[in-house]
Amino acid sequence: MQEVLNQFEKSKVWHLVQRPKNKTIIDIRWVFKNNLDEQGNITRNKARLVVQGYNQEEGIDYDKTFAPIARMEAIRMLIAFAAHMKFTLYQMDVKSAFLNG
């Protein structure tokens, strides 16, 4: 949790404001997960902050949706196109996708 909170502070993505009277507040919650190795031993504890989207109503609380997940078919097409065009591809891991969404 502390690593995620440090990312918030480092990225300066949040600041405290007064609650607007005519707006719905969308809650967030922590999701915890243990990464296991082949023997079932815990190798890492992970914490993720997620939005409780079921509190939203289309047209009121949002008008766009985003899914930061790439399908394998799209990745294959990208790699094939890049190989055909002789492009160089780079890979990166975004630790704080929630912040950069």
PDB file of N, CA and C in Angstrom:
ATOM      1  N   MET A   1       0.826  -1.188   0.000  1.00  0.00           N
ATOM      2  CA  MET A   1       0.000   0.000   0.000  1.00  0.00           C
ATOM      3  C   MET A   1       0.870   1.252   0.000  1.00  0.00           C
ATOM      4  N   GLN A   2       1.937   1.200   0.776  1.00  0.00           N
ATOM      5  CA  GLN A   2       2.793   2.377   0.885  1.00  0.00           C
ATOM      6  C   GLN A   2       3.431   2.720  -0.462  1.00  0.00           C
ATOM      7  N   GLU A   3       3.799   1.693  -1.230  1.00  0.00           N
ATOM      8  CA  GLU A   3       4.385   1.931  -2.559  1.00  0.00           C
ATOM      9  C   GLU A   3       3.392   2.657  -3.462  1.00  0.00           C
ATOM     10  N   VAL A   4       2.146   2.250  -3.426  1.00  0.00           N
ATOM     11  CA  VAL A   4       1.105   2.901  -4.236  1.00  0.00           C
ATOM     12  C   VAL A   4       0.893   4.334  -3.760  1.00  0.00           C
ATOM     13  N   LEU A   5       0.815   4.522  -2.458  1.00  0.00           N
ATOM     14  CA  LEU A   5       0.632   5.871  -1.913  1.00  0.00           C
ATOM     15  C   LEU A   5       1.812   6.772  -2.255  1.00  0.00           C
ATOM     16  N   ASN A   6       3.023   6.206  -2.260  1.00  0.00           N
ATOM     17  CA  ASN A   6       4.200   6.986  -2.655  1.00  0.00           C
ATOM     18  C   ASN A   6       4.119   7.404  -4.117  1.00  0.00           C
ATOM     19  N   GLN A   7       3.569   6.519  -4.964  1.00  0.00           N
ATOM     20  CA  GLN A   7       3.385   6.866  -6.381  1.00  0.00           C
ATOM     21  C   GLN A   7       2.401   8.027  -6.532  1.00  0.00           C
ATOM     22  N   PHE A   8       1.345   8.030  -5.736  1.00  0.00           N
ATOM     23  CA  PHE A   8       0.391   9.144  -5.771  1.00  0.00           C
ATOM     24  C   PHE A   8       1.098  10.450  -5.468  1.00  0.00           C
ATOM     25  N   GLU A   9       1.880  10.435  -4.402  1.00  0.00           N
ATOM     26  CA  GLU A   9       2.574  11.651  -3.972  1.00  0.00           C
ATOM     27  C   GLU A   9       3.607  12.084  -5.007  1.00  0.00           C
ATOM     28  N   LYS A  10       4.369  11.124  -5.531  1.00  0.00           N
ATOM     29  CA  LYS A  10       5.407  11.420  -6.515  1.00  0.00           C
ATOM     30  C   LYS A  10       4.808  12.003  -7.795  1.00  0.00           C
ATOM     31  N   SER A  11       3.688  11.434  -8.241  1.00  0.00           N
ATOM     32  CA  SER A  11       3.055  11.871  -9.486  1.00  0.00           C
ATOM     33  C   SER A  11       2.220  13.129  -9.316  1.00  0.00           C
ATOM     34  N   LYS A  12       1.910  13.486  -8.089  1.00  0.00           N
ATOM     35  CA  LYS A  12       1.096  14.681  -7.793  1.00  0.00           C
ATOM     36  C   LYS A  12      -0.222  14.657  -8.574  1.00  0.00           C
ATOM     37  N   VAL A  13      -0.925  13.526  -8.479  1.00  0.00           N
ATOM     38  CA  VAL A  13      -2.161  13.367  -9.245  1.00  0.00           C
ATOM     39  C   VAL A  13      -3.418  13.697  -8.437  1.00  0.00           C
ATOM     40  N   TRP A  14      -3.310  13.746  -7.127  1.00  0.00           N
ATOM     41  CA  TRP A  14      -4.472  14.012  -6.302  1.00  0.00           C
ATOM     42  C   TRP A  14      -4.252  15.264  -5.472  1.00  0.00           C
ATOM     43  N   HIS A  15      -5.332  15.977  -5.260  1.00  0.00           N
ATOM     44  CA  HIS A  15      -5.334  17.048  -4.272  1.00  0.00           C
ATOM     45  C   HIS A  15      -6.724  17.113  -3.655  1.00  0.00           C
ATOM     46  N   LEU A  16      -6.774  17.455  -2.395  1.00  0.00           N
ATOM     47  CA  LEU A  16      -8.020  17.464  -1.641  1.00  0.00           C
ATOM     48  C   LEU A  16      -8.838  18.700  -1.992  1.00  0.00           C
ATOM     49  N   VAL A  17     -10.123  18.474  -2.295  1.00  0.00           N
ATOM     50  CA  VAL A  17     -11.032  19.568  -2.631  1.00  0.00           C
ATOM     51  C   VAL A  17     -12.323  19.401  -1.830  1.00  0.00           C
ATOM     52  N   GLN A  18     -13.102  20.445  -1.778  1.00  0.00           N
ATOM     53  CA  GLN A  18     -14.414  20.368  -1.130  1.00  0.00           C
ATOM     54  C   GLN A  18     -15.344  19.516  -1.998  1.00  0.00           C
ATOM     55  N   ARG A  19     -16.205  18.741  -1.344  1.00  0.00           N
ATOM     56  CA  ARG A  19     -17.154  17.904  -2.079  1.00  0.00           C
ATOM     57  C   ARG A  19     -18.208  18.784  -2.757  1.00  0.00           C
ATOM     58  N   PRO A  20     -18.362  18.632  -4.088  1.00  0.00           N
ATOM     59  CA  PRO A  20     -19.413  19.390  -4.785  1.00  0.00           C
ATOM     60  C   PRO A  20     -20.792  18.907  -4.343  1.00  0.00           C
ATOM     61  N   LYS A  21     -21.700  19.818  -4.136  1.00  0.00           N
ATOM     62  CA  LYS A  21     -23.027  19.470  -3.619  1.00  0.00           C
ATOM     63  C   LYS A  21     -23.861  18.649  -4.608  1.00  0.00           C
ATOM     64  N   ASN A  22     -23.674  18.852  -5.906  1.00  0.00           N
ATOM     65  CA  ASN A  22     -24.524  18.185  -6.895  1.00  0.00           C
ATOM     66  C   ASN A  22     -23.825  17.028  -7.606  1.00  0.00           C
ATOM     67  N   LYS A  23     -22.759  16.484  -7.029  1.00  0.00           N
ATOM     68  CA  LYS A  23     -22.017  15.392  -7.662  1.00  0.00           C
ATOM     69  C   LYS A  23     -22.025  14.158  -6.773  1.00  0.00           C
ATOM     70  N   THR A  24     -22.042  12.980  -7.429  1.00  0.00           N
ATOM     71  CA  THR A  24     -21.965  11.713  -6.717  1.00  0.00           C
ATOM     72  C   THR A  24     -20.503  11.389  -6.439  1.00  0.00           C
ATOM     73  N   ILE A  25     -20.217  10.973  -5.237  1.00  0.00           N
ATOM     74  CA  ILE A  25     -18.857  10.574  -4.887  1.00  0.00           C
ATOM     75  C   ILE A  25     -18.690   9.090  -5.240  1.00  0.00           C
ATOM     76  N   ILE A  26     -17.636   8.772  -5.974  1.00  0.00           N
ATOM     77  CA  ILE A  26     -17.352   7.390  -6.368  1.00  0.00           C
ATOM     78  C   ILE A  26     -16.293   6.856  -5.422  1.00  0.00           C
ATOM     79  N   ASP A  27     -16.625   5.798  -4.721  1.00  0.00           N
ATOM     80  CA  ASP A  27     -15.722   5.236  -3.726  1.00  0.00           C
ATOM     81  C   ASP A  27     -14.579   4.465  -4.373  1.00  0.00           C
ATOM     82  N   ILE A  28     -13.529   4.299  -3.588  1.00  0.00           N
ATOM     83  CA  ILE A  28     -12.401   3.465  -3.979  1.00  0.00           C
ATOM     84  C   ILE A  28     -12.176   2.442  -2.879  1.00  0.00           C
ATOM     85  N   ARG A  29     -11.445   1.381  -3.206  1.00  0.00           N
ATOM     86  CA  ARG A  29     -11.116   0.393  -2.190  1.00  0.00           C
ATOM     87  C   ARG A  29      -9.802  -0.276  -2.548  1.00  0.00           C
ATOM     88  N   TRP A  30      -9.174  -0.873  -1.563  1.00  0.00           N
ATOM     89  CA  TRP A  30      -7.921  -1.593  -1.749  1.00  0.00           C
ATOM     90  C   TRP A  30      -8.217  -3.052  -2.086  1.00  0.00           C
ATOM     91  N   VAL A  31      -7.491  -3.598  -3.070  1.00  0.00           N
ATOM     92  CA  VAL A  31      -7.560  -5.016  -3.414  1.00  0.00           C
ATOM     93  C   VAL A  31      -6.175  -5.592  -3.137  1.00  0.00           C
ATOM     94  N   PHE A  32      -6.128  -6.672  -2.376  1.00  0.00           N
ATOM     95  CA  PHE A  32      -4.858  -7.289  -1.996  1.00  0.00           C
ATOM     96  C   PHE A  32      -4.716  -8.646  -2.669  1.00  0.00           C
ATOM     97  N   LYS A  33      -3.480  -8.970  -3.067  1.00  0.00           N
ATOM     98  CA  LYS A  33      -3.210 -10.238  -3.742  1.00  0.00           C
ATOM     99  C   LYS A  33      -1.826 -10.725  -3.341  1.00  0.00           C
ATOM    100  N   ASN A  34      -1.682 -12.034  -3.181  1.00  0.00           N
ATOM    101  CA  ASN A  34      -0.381 -12.640  -2.915  1.00  0.00           C
ATOM    102  C   ASN A  34       0.100 -13.334  -4.172  1.00  0.00           C
ATOM    103  N   ASN A  35       1.319 -13.020  -4.603  1.00  0.00           N
ATOM    104  CA  ASN A  35       1.930 -13.747  -5.714  1.00  0.00           C
ATOM    105  C   ASN A  35       2.622 -14.975  -5.146  1.00  0.00           C
ATOM    106  N   LEU A  36       2.421 -16.114  -5.793  1.00  0.00           N
ATOM    107  CA  LEU A  36       2.978 -17.376  -5.313  1.00  0.00           C
ATOM    108  C   LEU A  36       3.990 -17.923  -6.306  1.00  0.00           C
ATOM    109  N   ASP A  37       4.970 -18.688  -5.807  1.00  0.00           N
ATOM    110  CA  ASP A  37       5.896 -19.390  -6.691  1.00  0.00           C
ATOM    111  C   ASP A  37       5.347 -20.780  -7.005  1.00  0.00           C
ATOM    112  N   GLU A  38       6.146 -21.611  -7.667  1.00  0.00           N
ATOM    113  CA  GLU A  38       5.684 -22.937  -8.088  1.00  0.00           C
ATOM    114  C   GLU A  38       5.336 -23.836  -6.909  1.00  0.00           C
ATOM    115  N   GLN A  39       5.985 -23.645  -5.761  1.00  0.00           N
ATOM    116  CA  GLN A  39       5.728 -24.465  -4.579  1.00  0.00           C
ATOM    117  C   GLN A  39       4.577 -23.936  -3.729  1.00  0.00           C
ATOM    118  N   GLY A  40       4.012 -22.788  -4.107  1.00  0.00           N
ATOM    119  CA  GLY A  40       2.906 -22.224  -3.353  1.00  0.00           C
ATOM    120  C   GLY A  40       3.341 -21.273  -2.257  1.00  0.00           C
ATOM    121  N   ASN A  41       4.629 -20.921  -2.228  1.00  0.00           N
ATOM    122  CA  ASN A  41       5.124 -19.965  -1.238  1.00  0.00           C
ATOM    123  C   ASN A  41       4.854 -18.542  -1.705  1.00  0.00           C
ATOM    124  N   ILE A  42       4.533 -17.672  -0.775  1.00  0.00           N
ATOM    125  CA  ILE A  42       4.263 -16.275  -1.106  1.00  0.00           C
ATOM    126  C   ILE A  42       5.581 -15.593  -1.472  1.00  0.00           C
ATOM    127  N   THR A  43       5.622 -15.006  -2.678  1.00  0.00           N
ATOM    128  CA  THR A  43       6.823 -14.305  -3.120  1.00  0.00           C
ATOM    129  C   THR A  43       6.676 -12.794  -3.034  1.00  0.00           C
ATOM    130  N   ARG A  44       5.434 -12.310  -3.099  1.00  0.00           N
ATOM    131  CA  ARG A  44       5.212 -10.869  -3.044  1.00  0.00           C
ATOM    132  C   ARG A  44       3.767 -10.596  -2.661  1.00  0.00           C
ATOM    133  N   ASN A  45       3.574  -9.606  -1.826  1.00  0.00           N
ATOM    134  CA  ASN A  45       2.238  -9.120  -1.499  1.00  0.00           C
ATOM    135  C   ASN A  45       1.984  -7.880  -2.346  1.00  0.00           C
ATOM    136  N   LYS A  46       0.821  -7.836  -2.998  1.00  0.00           N
ATOM    137  CA  LYS A  46       0.505  -6.704  -3.853  1.00  0.00           C
ATOM    138  C   LYS A  46      -0.755  -6.014  -3.338  1.00  0.00           C
ATOM    139  N   ALA A  47      -0.777  -4.712  -3.474  1.00  0.00           N
ATOM    140  CA  ALA A  47      -1.954  -3.921  -3.124  1.00  0.00           C
ATOM    141  C   ALA A  47      -2.283  -3.044  -4.321  1.00  0.00           C
ATOM    142  N   ARG A  48      -3.568  -2.910  -4.620  1.00  0.00           N
ATOM    143  CA  ARG A  48      -4.007  -2.092  -5.745  1.00  0.00           C
ATOM    144  C   ARG A  48      -5.207  -1.264  -5.297  1.00  0.00           C
ATOM    145  N   LEU A  49      -5.229  -0.023  -5.687  1.00  0.00           N
ATOM    146  CA  LEU A  49      -6.349   0.854  -5.380  1.00  0.00           C
ATOM    147  C   LEU A  49      -7.261   0.900  -6.597  1.00  0.00           C
ATOM    148  N   VAL A  50      -8.534   0.539  -6.419  1.00  0.00           N
ATOM    149  CA  VAL A  50      -9.468   0.474  -7.543  1.00  0.00           C
ATOM    150  C   VAL A  50     -10.701   1.328  -7.254  1.00  0.00           C
ATOM    151  N   VAL A  51     -11.343   1.745  -8.333  1.00  0.00           N
ATOM    152  CA  VAL A  51     -12.567   2.535  -8.238  1.00  0.00           C
ATOM    153  C   VAL A  51     -13.757   1.586  -8.218  1.00  0.00           C
ATOM    154  N   GLN A  52     -14.720   1.862  -7.363  1.00  0.00           N
ATOM    155  CA  GLN A  52     -15.940   1.052  -7.322  1.00  0.00           C
ATOM    156  C   GLN A  52     -16.913   1.608  -8.363  1.00  0.00           C
ATOM    157  N   GLY A  53     -16.702   1.171  -9.608  1.00  0.00           N
ATOM    158  CA  GLY A  53     -17.454   1.708 -10.737  1.00  0.00           C
ATOM    159  C   GLY A  53     -18.937   1.416 -10.713  1.00  0.00           C
ATOM    160  N   TYR A  54     -19.361   0.425  -9.922  1.00  0.00           N
ATOM    161  CA  TYR A  54     -20.790   0.109  -9.893  1.00  0.00           C
ATOM    162  C   TYR A  54     -21.609   1.225  -9.246  1.00  0.00           C
ATOM    163  N   ASN A  55     -20.951   2.208  -8.665  1.00  0.00           N
ATOM    164  CA  ASN A  55     -21.667   3.355  -8.088  1.00  0.00           C
ATOM    165  C   ASN A  55     -22.010   4.400  -9.145  1.00  0.00           C
ATOM    166  N   GLN A  56     -21.544   4.201 -10.375  1.00  0.00           N
ATOM    167  CA  GLN A  56     -21.734   5.194 -11.417  1.00  0.00           C
ATOM    168  C   GLN A  56     -22.962   4.895 -12.274  1.00  0.00           C
ATOM    169  N   GLU A  57     -23.477   5.952 -12.908  1.00  0.00           N
ATOM    170  CA  GLU A  57     -24.583   5.811 -13.848  1.00  0.00           C
ATOM    171  C   GLU A  57     -24.187   6.458 -15.156  1.00  0.00           C
ATOM    172  N   GLU A  58     -24.334   5.710 -16.263  1.00  0.00           N
ATOM    173  CA  GLU A  58     -23.955   6.225 -17.578  1.00  0.00           C
ATOM    174  C   GLU A  58     -24.721   7.496 -17.894  1.00  0.00           C
ATOM    175  N   GLY A  59     -24.007   8.485 -18.421  1.00  0.00           N
ATOM    176  CA  GLY A  59     -24.613   9.766 -18.762  1.00  0.00           C
ATOM    177  C   GLY A  59     -24.653  10.737 -17.599  1.00  0.00           C
ATOM    178  N   ILE A  60     -24.485  10.241 -16.368  1.00  0.00           N
ATOM    179  CA  ILE A  60     -24.487  11.114 -15.187  1.00  0.00           C
ATOM    180  C   ILE A  60     -23.075  11.233 -14.627  1.00  0.00           C
ATOM    181  N   ASP A  61     -22.491  10.099 -14.278  1.00  0.00           N
ATOM    182  CA  ASP A  61     -21.164  10.077 -13.668  1.00  0.00           C
ATOM    183  C   ASP A  61     -20.036   9.888 -14.675  1.00  0.00           C
ATOM    184  N   TYR A  62     -20.349   9.398 -15.867  1.00  0.00           N
ATOM    185  CA  TYR A  62     -19.314   9.211 -16.881  1.00  0.00           C
ATOM    186  C   TYR A  62     -19.931   9.218 -18.260  1.00  0.00           C
ATOM    187  N   ASP A  63     -19.108   9.570 -19.252  1.00  0.00           N
ATOM    188  CA  ASP A  63     -19.549   9.472 -20.638  1.00  0.00           C
ATOM    189  C   ASP A  63     -18.548   8.707 -21.491  1.00  0.00           C
ATOM    190  N   LYS A  64     -17.411   8.330 -20.890  1.00  0.00           N
ATOM    191  CA  LYS A  64     -16.409   7.527 -21.586  1.00  0.00           C
ATOM    192  C   LYS A  64     -15.948   6.411 -20.660  1.00  0.00           C
ATOM    193  N   THR A  65     -15.584   5.287 -21.254  1.00  0.00           N
ATOM    194  CA  THR A  65     -15.009   4.196 -20.463  1.00  0.00           C
ATOM    195  C   THR A  65     -13.673   3.798 -21.077  1.00  0.00           C
ATOM    196  N   PHE A  66     -12.777   3.312 -20.228  1.00  0.00           N
ATOM    197  CA  PHE A  66     -11.456   2.918 -20.669  1.00  0.00           C
ATOM    198  C   PHE A  66     -11.144   1.534 -20.117  1.00  0.00           C
ATOM    199  N   ALA A  67     -10.501   0.711 -20.915  1.00  0.00           N
ATOM    200  CA  ALA A  67     -10.063  -0.608 -20.474  1.00  0.00           C
ATOM    201  C   ALA A  67      -8.576  -0.730 -20.793  1.00  0.00           C
ATOM    202  N   PRO A  68      -7.702  -0.552 -19.794  1.00  0.00           N
ATOM    203  CA  PRO A  68      -6.269  -0.554 -20.067  1.00  0.00           C
ATOM    204  C   PRO A  68      -5.685  -1.958 -20.220  1.00  0.00           C
ATOM    205  N   ILE A  69      -6.347  -2.801 -21.000  1.00  0.00           N
ATOM    206  CA  ILE A  69      -5.897  -4.179 -21.204  1.00  0.00           C
ATOM    207  C   ILE A  69      -5.824  -4.420 -22.703  1.00  0.00           C
ATOM    208  N   ALA A  70      -4.676  -4.917 -23.166  1.00  0.00           N
ATOM    209  CA  ALA A  70      -4.510  -5.227 -24.580  1.00  0.00           C
ATOM    210  C   ALA A  70      -4.856  -6.691 -24.823  1.00  0.00           C
ATOM    211  N   ARG A  71      -5.612  -6.943 -25.885  1.00  0.00           N
ATOM    212  CA  ARG A  71      -5.931  -8.322 -26.255  1.00  0.00           C
ATOM    213  C   ARG A  71      -4.754  -8.917 -27.012  1.00  0.00           C
ATOM    214  N   MET A  72      -4.579 -10.225 -26.884  1.00  0.00           N
ATOM    215  CA  MET A  72      -3.461 -10.903 -27.545  1.00  0.00           C
ATOM    216  C   MET A  72      -3.516 -10.733 -29.061  1.00  0.00           C
ATOM    217  N   GLU A  73      -4.712 -10.715 -29.644  1.00  0.00           N
ATOM    218  CA  GLU A  73      -4.836 -10.538 -31.086  1.00  0.00           C
ATOM    219  C   GLU A  73      -4.269  -9.189 -31.513  1.00  0.00           C
ATOM    220  N   ALA A  74      -4.543  -8.157 -30.722  1.00  0.00           N
ATOM    221  CA  ALA A  74      -4.035  -6.817 -31.043  1.00  0.00           C
ATOM    222  C   ALA A  74      -2.519  -6.763 -30.913  1.00  0.00           C
ATOM    223  N   ILE A  75      -1.983  -7.434 -29.908  1.00  0.00           N
ATOM    224  CA  ILE A  75      -0.529  -7.456 -29.729  1.00  0.00           C
ATOM    225  C   ILE A  75       0.131  -8.177 -30.896  1.00  0.00           C
ATOM    226  N   ARG A  76      -0.440  -9.307 -31.318  1.00  0.00           N
ATOM    227  CA  ARG A  76       0.105 -10.044 -32.464  1.00  0.00           C
ATOM    228  C   ARG A  76       0.087  -9.195 -33.732  1.00  0.00           C
ATOM    229  N   MET A  77      -1.015  -8.481 -33.949  1.00  0.00           N
ATOM    230  CA  MET A  77      -1.117  -7.621 -35.133  1.00  0.00           C
ATOM    231  C   MET A  77      -0.077  -6.502 -35.079  1.00  0.00           C
ATOM    232  N   LEU A  78       0.110  -5.923 -33.910  1.00  0.00           N
ATOM    233  CA  LEU A  78       1.100  -4.861 -33.756  1.00  0.00           C
ATOM    234  C   LEU A  78       2.504  -5.381 -34.065  1.00  0.00           C
ATOM    235  N   ILE A  79       2.860  -6.537 -33.518  1.00  0.00           N
ATOM    236  CA  ILE A  79       4.187  -7.109 -33.741  1.00  0.00           C
ATOM    237  C   ILE A  79       4.381  -7.459 -35.219  1.00  0.00           C
ATOM    238  N   ALA A  80       3.361  -8.039 -35.845  1.00  0.00           N
ATOM    239  CA  ALA A  80       3.454  -8.388 -37.267  1.00  0.00           C
ATOM    240  C   ALA A  80       3.626  -7.133 -38.116  1.00  0.00           C
ATOM    241  N   PHE A  81       2.857  -6.102 -37.832  1.00  0.00           N
ATOM    242  CA  PHE A  81       2.957  -4.859 -38.588  1.00  0.00           C
ATOM    243  C   PHE A  81       4.328  -4.212 -38.390  1.00  0.00           C
ATOM    244  N   ALA A  82       4.800  -4.195 -37.133  1.00  0.00           N
ATOM    245  CA  ALA A  82       6.107  -3.605 -36.839  1.00  0.00           C
ATOM    246  C   ALA A  82       7.225  -4.367 -37.547  1.00  0.00           C
ATOM    247  N   ALA A  83       7.127  -5.687 -37.587  1.00  0.00           N
ATOM    248  CA  ALA A  83       8.137  -6.490 -38.277  1.00  0.00           C
ATOM    249  C   ALA A  83       8.099  -6.209 -39.782  1.00  0.00           C
ATOM    250  N   HIS A  84       6.890  -6.119 -40.341  1.00  0.00           N
ATOM    251  CA  HIS A  84       6.742  -5.840 -41.768  1.00  0.00           C
ATOM    252  C   HIS A  84       7.321  -4.467 -42.138  1.00  0.00           C
ATOM    253  N   MET A  85       7.063  -3.473 -41.288  1.00  0.00           N
ATOM    254  CA  MET A  85       7.524  -2.104 -41.550  1.00  0.00           C
ATOM    255  C   MET A  85       8.941  -1.844 -41.026  1.00  0.00           C
ATOM    256  N   LYS A  86       9.546  -2.868 -40.391  1.00  0.00           N
ATOM    257  CA  LYS A  86      10.883  -2.761 -39.796  1.00  0.00           C
ATOM    258  C   LYS A  86      10.957  -1.662 -38.729  1.00  0.00           C
ATOM    259  N   PHE A  87       9.881  -1.583 -37.931  1.00  0.00           N
ATOM    260  CA  PHE A  87       9.851  -0.655 -36.794  1.00  0.00           C
ATOM    261  C   PHE A  87      10.534  -1.304 -35.603  1.00  0.00           C
ATOM    262  N   THR A  88      11.023  -0.486 -34.702  1.00  0.00           N
ATOM    263  CA  THR A  88      11.566  -0.973 -33.434  1.00  0.00           C
ATOM    264  C   THR A  88      10.494  -0.811 -32.370  1.00  0.00           C
ATOM    265  N   LEU A  89      10.205  -1.878 -31.636  1.00  0.00           N
ATOM    266  CA  LEU A  89       9.223  -1.827 -30.558  1.00  0.00           C
ATOM    267  C   LEU A  89       9.946  -1.818 -29.215  1.00  0.00           C
ATOM    268  N   TYR A  90       9.384  -1.104 -28.263  1.00  0.00           N
ATOM    269  CA  TYR A  90       9.890  -1.077 -26.905  1.00  0.00           C
ATOM    270  C   TYR A  90       8.774  -1.503 -25.970  1.00  0.00           C
ATOM    271  N   GLN A  91       9.137  -2.203 -24.913  1.00  0.00           N
ATOM    272  CA  GLN A  91       8.164  -2.672 -23.917  1.00  0.00           C
ATOM    273  C   GLN A  91       8.414  -1.934 -22.621  1.00  0.00           C
ATOM    274  N   MET A  92       7.339  -1.633 -21.896  1.00  0.00           N
ATOM    275  CA  MET A  92       7.477  -0.994 -20.589  1.00  0.00           C
ATOM    276  C   MET A  92       6.401  -1.512 -19.649  1.00  0.00           C
ATOM    277  N   ASP A  93       6.664  -1.408 -18.374  1.00  0.00           N
ATOM    278  CA  ASP A  93       5.720  -1.835 -17.350  1.00  0.00           C
ATOM    279  C   ASP A  93       5.231  -0.584 -16.622  1.00  0.00           C
ATOM    280  N   VAL A  94       3.928  -0.346 -16.671  1.00  0.00           N
ATOM    281  CA  VAL A  94       3.348   0.817 -16.003  1.00  0.00           C
ATOM    282  C   VAL A  94       2.857   0.380 -14.643  1.00  0.00           C
ATOM    283  N   LYS A  95       3.543   0.809 -13.593  1.00  0.00           N
ATOM    284  CA  LYS A  95       3.182   0.393 -12.242  1.00  0.00           C
ATOM    285  C   LYS A  95       1.922   1.112 -11.758  1.00  0.00           C
ATOM    286  N   SER A  96       1.699   2.307 -12.235  1.00  0.00           N
ATOM    287  CA  SER A  96       0.586   3.088 -11.711  1.00  0.00           C
ATOM    288  C   SER A  96      -0.374   3.462 -12.841  1.00  0.00           C
ATOM    289  N   ALA A  97      -0.932   2.452 -13.501  1.00  0.00           N
ATOM    290  CA  ALA A  97      -1.847   2.682 -14.609  1.00  0.00           C
ATOM    291  C   ALA A  97      -3.081   3.445 -14.160  1.00  0.00           C
ATOM    292  N   PHE A  98      -3.540   3.202 -12.933  1.00  0.00           N
ATOM    293  CA  PHE A  98      -4.689   3.913 -12.384  1.00  0.00           C
ATOM    294  C   PHE A  98      -4.420   5.420 -12.402  1.00  0.00           C
ATOM    295  N   LEU A  99      -3.202   5.814 -12.101  1.00  0.00           N
ATOM    296  CA  LEU A  99      -2.843   7.217 -12.055  1.00  0.00           C
ATOM    297  C   LEU A  99      -2.695   7.800 -13.448  1.00  0.00           C
ATOM    298  N   ASN A 100      -2.236   6.989 -14.402  1.00  0.00           N
ATOM    299  CA  ASN A 100      -1.947   7.493 -15.731  1.00  0.00           C
ATOM    300  C   ASN A 100      -3.096   7.261 -16.698  1.00  0.00           C
ATOM    301  N   GLY A 101      -4.196   6.647 -16.227  1.00  0.00           N
ATOM    302  CA  GLY A 101      -5.327   6.359 -17.105  1.00  0.00           C
ATOM    303  C   GLY A 101      -5.904   7.614 -17.686  1.00  0.00           C
TER     304      GLY A 101
END
